[in-house]
């Protein structure tokens, strides 16, 4: 039986199945997907209209010097610092040229004065940092320092040959220290003490880093080359005063004033002891006669009186000082003898 070989017929290829997404075109890759998808970014910028409605001053949407929107992490002081960072400093030659324009009084003198002030605003910041945390906010220190800078611009003489920053530093420091003296503390501190306090803080902080502990007053005095008593005075002046109305409990019902003893009021214990002491003294005075009793009362200030000298007591009785001394000695000896018979001591009655 002969088997016939079947010839394979060249059949046409089957058409590819149409996918549901064929009409949408080729499937994009993962990189293309990442580029086309938009992530939701939280809005951080302040709605200026909403802030203005609440009664707060609306900040400008754009700042010419910064060139960015005002956001929540931009405080007024930080914005100010970023603004002055963009202002270029003046070279020594430019300082002389600008100073000449200011002194000349020509129409460009006002612009030259403003240029000199703006170019040295960073100097005020560097000096104000030394006097931070001494009683005034940092922004107030900067404002006072700027006032000193303006006075320095008006009084600067470029013919002396000094740099303006050297001259202006003194005026800036003086304005800041005067503001601290007048407004920084409840109790006014002399102006010169703020330089000493600033130096004391710097020395103390450096010793803390070096010794890894709080330095003693003697160690600070050795570094500052001043007496220990002066260091104690600086520490006392540099500390912040506390309020008697400061709360000392979590609910605020108790204040610091409630923990301070009133010395003008006698405690009940002292009142009772005073009564017993008065009774013991009367018991002792009953052991002597009337003349001796009066001498002891005047000499030792008994019965609430003030102690008197021998001369004052002698004038009261019209006798000599020696006679008063004899009466006093005899009265005390009599009291000691009578107490000895009772096996008691005079010290048990009189403290």
Protein backbone atom coordinates (compact mmCIF):
# COMPACT_ATOMS: atom_id res chain seq x y z
CA UNK A 1 0.00 0.00 0.00
CA UNK A 2 1.60 3.22 -1.15
CA UNK A 3 1.31 6.25 1.02
CA UNK A 4 1.08 9.49 -0.71
CA UNK A 5 2.82 12.46 0.64
CA UNK A 6 0.55 15.37 1.10
CA UNK A 7 1.86 18.57 -0.20
CA UNK A 8 1.66 21.48 2.09
CA UNK A 9 -0.29 24.11 0.53
CA UNK A 10 1.04 27.61 0.92
CA UNK A 11 -1.74 28.98 2.94
CA UNK A 12 -1.82 32.74 3.51
CA UNK A 13 -0.95 33.83 7.08
CA UNK A 14 -3.80 34.40 9.42
CA UNK A 15 -4.59 38.05 10.00
CA UNK A 16 -3.57 39.37 13.44
CA UNK A 17 -6.34 39.83 15.91
CA UNK A 18 -7.34 43.39 16.38
CA UNK A 19 -6.83 44.53 19.94
CA UNK A 20 -9.20 46.81 21.70
CA UNK A 21 -6.52 49.50 21.98
CA UNK A 22 -5.44 49.30 18.34
CA UNK A 23 -7.42 52.36 17.46
CA UNK A 24 -5.58 54.31 20.17
CA UNK A 25 -2.23 53.83 18.45
CA UNK A 26 0.96 52.28 19.84
CA UNK A 27 1.23 51.77 23.59
CA UNK A 28 3.45 54.42 25.20
CA UNK A 29 6.53 53.38 27.12
CA UNK A 30 7.05 53.88 30.90
CA UNK A 31 9.33 56.85 30.35
CA UNK A 32 6.76 58.49 28.10
CA UNK A 33 4.09 57.85 30.74
CA UNK A 34 6.24 59.48 33.43
CA UNK A 35 6.70 62.51 31.25
CA UNK A 36 3.05 62.98 30.45
CA UNK A 37 1.63 62.37 33.93
CA UNK A 38 1.35 65.44 36.16
CA UNK A 39 1.79 65.07 39.88
CA UNK A 40 -0.39 67.14 42.16
CA UNK A 41 1.82 69.78 43.79
CA UNK A 42 0.44 71.41 46.95
CA UNK A 43 -0.02 75.12 46.70
CA UNK A 44 2.19 76.92 49.20
CA UNK A 45 1.76 80.51 48.12
CA UNK A 46 -0.43 82.83 50.18
CA UNK A 47 -3.70 84.06 48.83
CA UNK A 48 -2.99 87.76 49.07
CA UNK A 49 -6.61 88.76 48.62
CA UNK A 50 -7.66 86.54 51.49
CA UNK A 51 -4.93 87.95 53.75
CA UNK A 52 -5.98 91.50 52.90
CA UNK A 53 -9.58 90.75 53.78
CA UNK A 54 -8.51 89.67 57.28
CA UNK A 55 -7.03 93.09 57.91
CA UNK A 56 -3.35 92.14 57.45
CA UNK A 57 -1.17 94.14 55.07
CA UNK A 58 -0.90 92.33 51.75
CA UNK A 59 2.66 91.56 50.65
CA UNK A 60 3.60 92.14 47.00
CA UNK A 61 3.19 89.10 44.76
CA UNK A 62 6.55 89.68 43.13
CA UNK A 63 9.69 91.13 44.61
CA UNK A 64 11.95 92.86 42.12
CA UNK A 65 15.14 91.99 43.99
CA UNK A 66 14.20 88.40 44.81
CA UNK A 67 12.05 87.58 41.78
CA UNK A 68 9.91 84.92 43.46
CA UNK A 69 6.51 84.58 45.01
CA UNK A 70 5.95 85.20 48.71
CA UNK A 71 5.40 81.85 50.45
CA UNK A 72 4.58 80.72 53.96
CA UNK A 73 8.23 80.11 54.88
CA UNK A 74 9.16 83.71 54.05
CA UNK A 75 9.12 85.83 57.21
CA UNK A 76 9.56 89.61 56.92
CA UNK A 77 13.08 89.45 58.34
CA UNK A 78 14.10 86.65 55.98
CA UNK A 79 12.74 88.57 53.01
CA UNK A 80 14.69 91.62 54.17
CA UNK A 81 17.91 89.59 54.45
CA UNK A 82 17.44 88.17 50.96
CA UNK A 83 16.87 91.64 49.58
CA UNK A 84 20.02 93.17 51.04
CA UNK A 85 22.09 90.19 49.86
CA UNK A 86 21.40 91.30 46.29
CA UNK A 87 22.85 94.78 46.92
CA UNK A 88 26.53 94.96 45.87
CA UNK A 89 29.16 96.35 48.22
CA UNK A 90 31.16 99.45 47.41
CA UNK A 91 34.88 99.43 46.75
CA UNK A 92 37.11 101.99 48.52
CA UNK A 93 37.22 104.09 45.36
CA UNK A 94 33.44 103.98 45.01
CA UNK A 95 33.01 104.99 48.67
CA UNK A 96 35.15 108.08 48.11
CA UNK A 97 33.24 108.98 44.95
CA UNK A 98 29.84 108.54 46.62
CA UNK A 99 30.97 110.50 49.69
CA UNK A 100 32.06 113.38 47.48
CA UNK A 101 28.63 113.51 45.90
CA UNK A 102 26.99 113.54 49.35
CA UNK A 103 29.19 116.38 50.61
CA UNK A 104 28.82 118.42 47.42
CA UNK A 105 25.08 118.87 47.87
CA UNK A 106 24.44 118.56 44.14
CA UNK A 107 21.11 117.21 42.81
CA UNK A 108 22.56 113.67 42.91
CA UNK A 109 23.50 113.90 46.60
CA UNK A 110 20.25 112.30 47.81
CA UNK A 111 20.66 109.30 45.50
CA UNK A 112 24.30 108.95 46.58
CA UNK A 113 23.29 108.97 50.26
CA UNK A 114 20.71 106.23 49.67
CA UNK A 115 23.29 104.19 47.76
CA UNK A 116 25.76 104.45 50.64
CA UNK A 117 23.10 103.36 53.14
CA UNK A 118 21.87 100.40 51.06
CA UNK A 119 25.36 99.07 50.41
CA UNK A 120 26.11 98.90 54.17
CA UNK A 121 22.89 97.33 55.47
CA UNK A 122 24.67 93.99 55.88
CA UNK A 123 27.08 95.66 58.31
CA UNK A 124 24.12 96.44 60.58
CA UNK A 125 23.05 92.78 60.53
CA UNK A 126 26.51 91.53 61.52
CA UNK A 127 26.71 93.97 64.47
CA UNK A 128 23.12 93.40 65.63
CA UNK A 129 23.78 89.64 65.95
CA UNK A 130 26.21 90.33 68.81
CA UNK A 131 23.45 91.90 70.92
CA UNK A 132 20.67 89.38 70.27
CA UNK A 133 18.72 87.93 73.23
CA UNK A 134 19.54 90.88 75.49
CA UNK A 135 16.01 92.22 75.85
CA UNK A 136 14.95 93.44 72.39
CA UNK A 137 13.76 91.50 69.31
CA UNK A 138 16.29 91.15 66.52
CA UNK A 139 14.15 93.22 64.16
CA UNK A 140 14.20 96.14 66.63
CA UNK A 141 17.98 95.89 66.90
CA UNK A 142 18.26 96.09 63.11
CA UNK A 143 16.00 99.15 63.01
CA UNK A 144 18.04 100.96 65.65
CA UNK A 145 21.25 99.99 63.89
CA UNK A 146 19.94 101.39 60.61
CA UNK A 147 19.30 104.71 62.37
CA UNK A 148 22.91 104.73 63.54
CA UNK A 149 24.03 103.91 59.99
CA UNK A 150 22.15 106.93 58.63
CA UNK A 151 23.84 109.20 61.17
CA UNK A 152 27.22 107.76 60.18
CA UNK A 153 26.56 108.52 56.50
CA UNK A 154 25.75 112.13 57.37
CA UNK A 155 28.89 112.60 59.50
CA UNK A 156 31.44 110.58 57.49
CA UNK A 157 34.51 112.49 56.28
CA UNK A 158 36.19 110.65 53.42
CA UNK A 159 39.25 112.96 53.60
CA UNK A 160 40.46 111.17 56.78
CA UNK A 161 41.39 108.14 54.68
CA UNK A 162 39.43 105.54 56.69
CA UNK A 163 36.95 103.02 55.33
CA UNK A 164 33.32 103.87 55.93
CA UNK A 165 32.62 100.52 57.66
CA UNK A 166 35.24 101.31 60.32
CA UNK A 167 33.63 104.65 61.05
CA UNK A 168 30.01 103.47 60.86
CA UNK A 169 30.50 100.51 63.23
CA UNK A 170 30.81 102.85 66.21
CA UNK A 171 27.58 104.71 65.37
CA UNK A 172 25.68 101.46 64.80
CA UNK A 173 26.87 99.97 68.11
CA UNK A 174 26.02 103.16 69.98
CA UNK A 175 22.47 103.25 68.58
CA UNK A 176 21.87 99.57 69.42
CA UNK A 177 23.27 99.80 72.95
CA UNK A 178 21.33 102.97 73.71
CA UNK A 179 18.11 101.26 72.61
CA UNK A 180 18.91 98.25 74.79
CA UNK A 181 19.62 100.50 77.76
CA UNK A 182 16.37 102.46 77.41
CA UNK A 183 13.98 99.73 76.23
CA UNK A 184 15.66 96.35 76.77
CA UNK A 185 14.96 95.70 80.45
CA UNK A 186 12.47 96.68 83.12
CA UNK A 187 15.40 97.93 85.21
CA UNK A 188 17.61 100.28 83.21
CA UNK A 189 21.15 99.04 82.60
CA UNK A 190 24.01 101.48 81.84
CA UNK A 191 25.04 101.64 78.19
CA UNK A 192 28.65 100.59 78.79
CA UNK A 193 27.55 97.38 80.53
CA UNK A 194 26.15 95.85 77.32
CA UNK A 195 29.64 95.57 75.85
CA UNK A 196 30.78 93.81 79.03
CA UNK A 197 27.73 91.50 78.96
CA UNK A 198 28.36 90.65 75.30
CA UNK A 199 32.01 89.82 76.05
CA UNK A 200 31.01 87.77 79.10
CA UNK A 201 28.56 85.68 77.04
CA UNK A 202 31.19 85.06 74.36
CA UNK A 203 33.79 83.95 76.93
CA UNK A 204 31.28 81.74 78.75
CA UNK A 205 30.16 80.01 75.53
CA UNK A 206 33.75 79.37 74.42
CA UNK A 207 34.64 77.90 77.84
CA UNK A 208 31.57 75.65 77.73
CA UNK A 209 32.73 74.21 74.40
CA UNK A 210 36.30 73.87 75.63
CA UNK A 211 35.59 72.36 79.07
CA UNK A 212 32.32 70.52 78.22
CA UNK A 213 30.77 71.97 81.37
CA UNK A 214 29.57 75.26 82.80
CA UNK A 215 32.63 77.34 83.77
CA UNK A 216 33.03 78.77 87.24
CA UNK A 217 33.13 82.47 88.01
CA UNK A 218 36.87 82.30 88.72
CA UNK A 219 37.57 80.74 85.31
CA UNK A 220 35.56 83.44 83.53
CA UNK A 221 37.31 86.16 85.55
CA UNK A 222 40.75 84.80 84.57
CA UNK A 223 39.91 84.93 80.86
CA UNK A 224 38.26 88.36 81.00
CA UNK A 225 41.00 89.79 83.28
CA UNK A 226 38.48 91.29 85.70
CA UNK A 227 37.73 90.64 89.41
CA UNK A 228 35.35 87.85 90.41
CA UNK A 229 33.00 90.40 92.00
CA UNK A 230 32.68 92.10 88.60
CA UNK A 231 31.78 88.76 86.97
CA UNK A 232 29.05 88.23 89.58
CA UNK A 233 27.69 91.70 88.86
CA UNK A 234 27.65 91.03 85.11
CA UNK A 235 25.82 87.72 85.63
CA UNK A 236 23.24 89.43 87.82
CA UNK A 237 22.67 92.26 85.34
CA UNK A 238 22.62 89.95 82.33
CA UNK A 239 19.94 87.68 83.78
CA UNK A 240 16.31 88.30 82.90
CA UNK A 241 14.17 89.64 85.79
CA UNK A 242 11.32 87.40 86.87
CA UNK A 243 7.75 88.48 87.49
CA UNK A 244 6.04 87.95 90.84
CA UNK A 245 2.85 87.19 88.91
CA UNK A 246 4.44 84.37 86.92
CA UNK A 247 2.36 81.17 87.27
CA UNK A 248 3.98 78.25 89.10
CA UNK A 249 1.19 75.71 88.61
CA UNK A 250 -0.22 74.10 85.50
CA UNK A 251 -3.70 75.54 85.99
CA UNK A 252 -2.33 79.03 86.71
CA UNK A 253 -4.01 79.29 90.12
CA UNK A 254 -0.73 79.81 92.03
CA UNK A 255 1.79 82.58 91.36
CA UNK A 256 5.39 83.18 92.38
CA UNK A 257 4.18 85.79 94.86
CA UNK A 258 2.36 83.08 96.83
CA UNK A 259 5.66 81.30 97.60
CA UNK A 260 7.45 84.34 99.11
CA UNK A 261 7.26 84.80 102.86
CA UNK A 262 5.96 88.11 104.20
CA UNK A 263 8.42 89.27 106.85
CA UNK A 264 6.10 92.01 108.11
CA UNK A 265 3.59 89.48 109.51
CA UNK A 266 4.46 87.48 112.61
CA UNK A 267 3.76 83.78 112.32
CA UNK A 268 1.43 82.08 114.86
CA UNK A 269 4.36 80.09 116.22
CA UNK A 270 6.32 83.28 116.97
CA UNK A 271 3.26 84.80 118.65
CA UNK A 272 2.90 81.81 120.99
CA UNK A 273 6.64 81.78 121.73
CA UNK A 274 6.50 85.50 122.50
CA UNK A 275 3.72 84.95 125.00
CA UNK A 276 5.62 82.18 126.79
CA UNK A 277 8.84 84.22 126.74
CA UNK A 278 7.05 87.22 128.27
CA UNK A 279 5.65 84.99 131.01
CA UNK A 280 9.10 83.57 131.79
CA UNK A 281 10.62 87.06 132.00
CA UNK A 282 7.90 88.21 134.39
CA UNK A 283 8.63 85.17 136.50
CA UNK A 284 12.33 86.09 136.66
CA UNK A 285 11.67 89.75 137.45
CA UNK A 286 9.47 88.73 140.34
CA UNK A 287 12.56 87.36 142.10
CA UNK A 288 14.09 90.84 142.68
CA UNK A 289 12.86 94.08 144.25
CA UNK A 290 11.26 96.97 142.38
CA UNK A 291 14.41 99.08 141.92
CA UNK A 292 16.43 96.17 140.55
CA UNK A 293 13.50 95.19 138.33
CA UNK A 294 13.36 98.66 136.72
CA UNK A 295 17.11 98.70 136.14
CA UNK A 296 17.00 95.33 134.36
CA UNK A 297 14.02 96.42 132.23
CA UNK A 298 15.82 99.56 131.05
CA UNK A 299 19.26 97.97 130.58
CA UNK A 300 18.08 94.94 128.52
CA UNK A 301 15.09 96.52 126.76
CA UNK A 302 12.52 94.21 128.32
CA UNK A 303 8.76 94.76 128.02
CA UNK A 304 9.13 95.81 124.37
CA UNK A 305 11.53 98.70 124.98
CA UNK A 306 14.98 99.50 123.58
CA UNK A 307 18.14 98.59 125.53
CA UNK A 308 19.76 101.59 127.24
CA UNK A 309 23.34 102.32 128.13
CA UNK A 310 24.67 102.70 131.67
CA UNK A 311 24.80 106.46 131.25
CA UNK A 312 21.18 106.71 130.02
CA UNK A 313 19.96 104.49 132.85
CA UNK A 314 21.94 106.51 135.40
CA UNK A 315 20.35 109.75 134.17
CA UNK A 316 16.92 108.17 134.45
CA UNK A 317 17.43 107.30 138.14
CA UNK A 318 19.64 110.29 138.98
CA UNK A 319 22.64 108.22 140.11
CA UNK A 320 26.10 107.45 138.76
CA UNK A 321 26.96 104.87 136.11
CA UNK A 322 28.89 102.81 138.66
CA UNK A 323 25.85 102.60 140.92
CA UNK A 324 23.68 101.31 138.03
CA UNK A 325 26.35 98.69 137.23
CA UNK A 326 26.35 97.53 140.86
CA UNK A 327 22.54 97.26 140.98
CA UNK A 328 22.49 95.31 137.70
CA UNK A 329 25.22 92.92 138.85
CA UNK A 330 23.49 92.31 142.20
CA UNK A 331 20.12 91.65 140.55
CA UNK A 332 21.54 89.09 138.09
CA UNK A 333 23.51 87.35 140.86
CA UNK A 334 20.35 87.13 142.99
CA UNK A 335 18.35 85.61 140.12
CA UNK A 336 21.08 83.02 139.41
CA UNK A 337 21.25 82.03 143.07
CA UNK A 338 17.48 81.58 143.37
CA UNK A 339 17.34 79.55 140.14
CA UNK A 340 20.19 77.38 141.39
CA UNK A 341 18.15 76.51 144.44
CA UNK A 342 15.35 75.40 142.08
CA UNK A 343 17.89 73.47 139.94
CA UNK A 344 17.18 75.74 136.94
CA UNK A 345 19.35 77.98 134.75
CA UNK A 346 18.95 81.59 133.69
CA UNK A 347 19.56 80.58 130.05
CA UNK A 348 16.37 78.49 130.15
CA UNK A 349 14.36 81.67 130.66
CA UNK A 350 16.21 84.16 128.48
CA UNK A 351 17.25 83.29 124.90
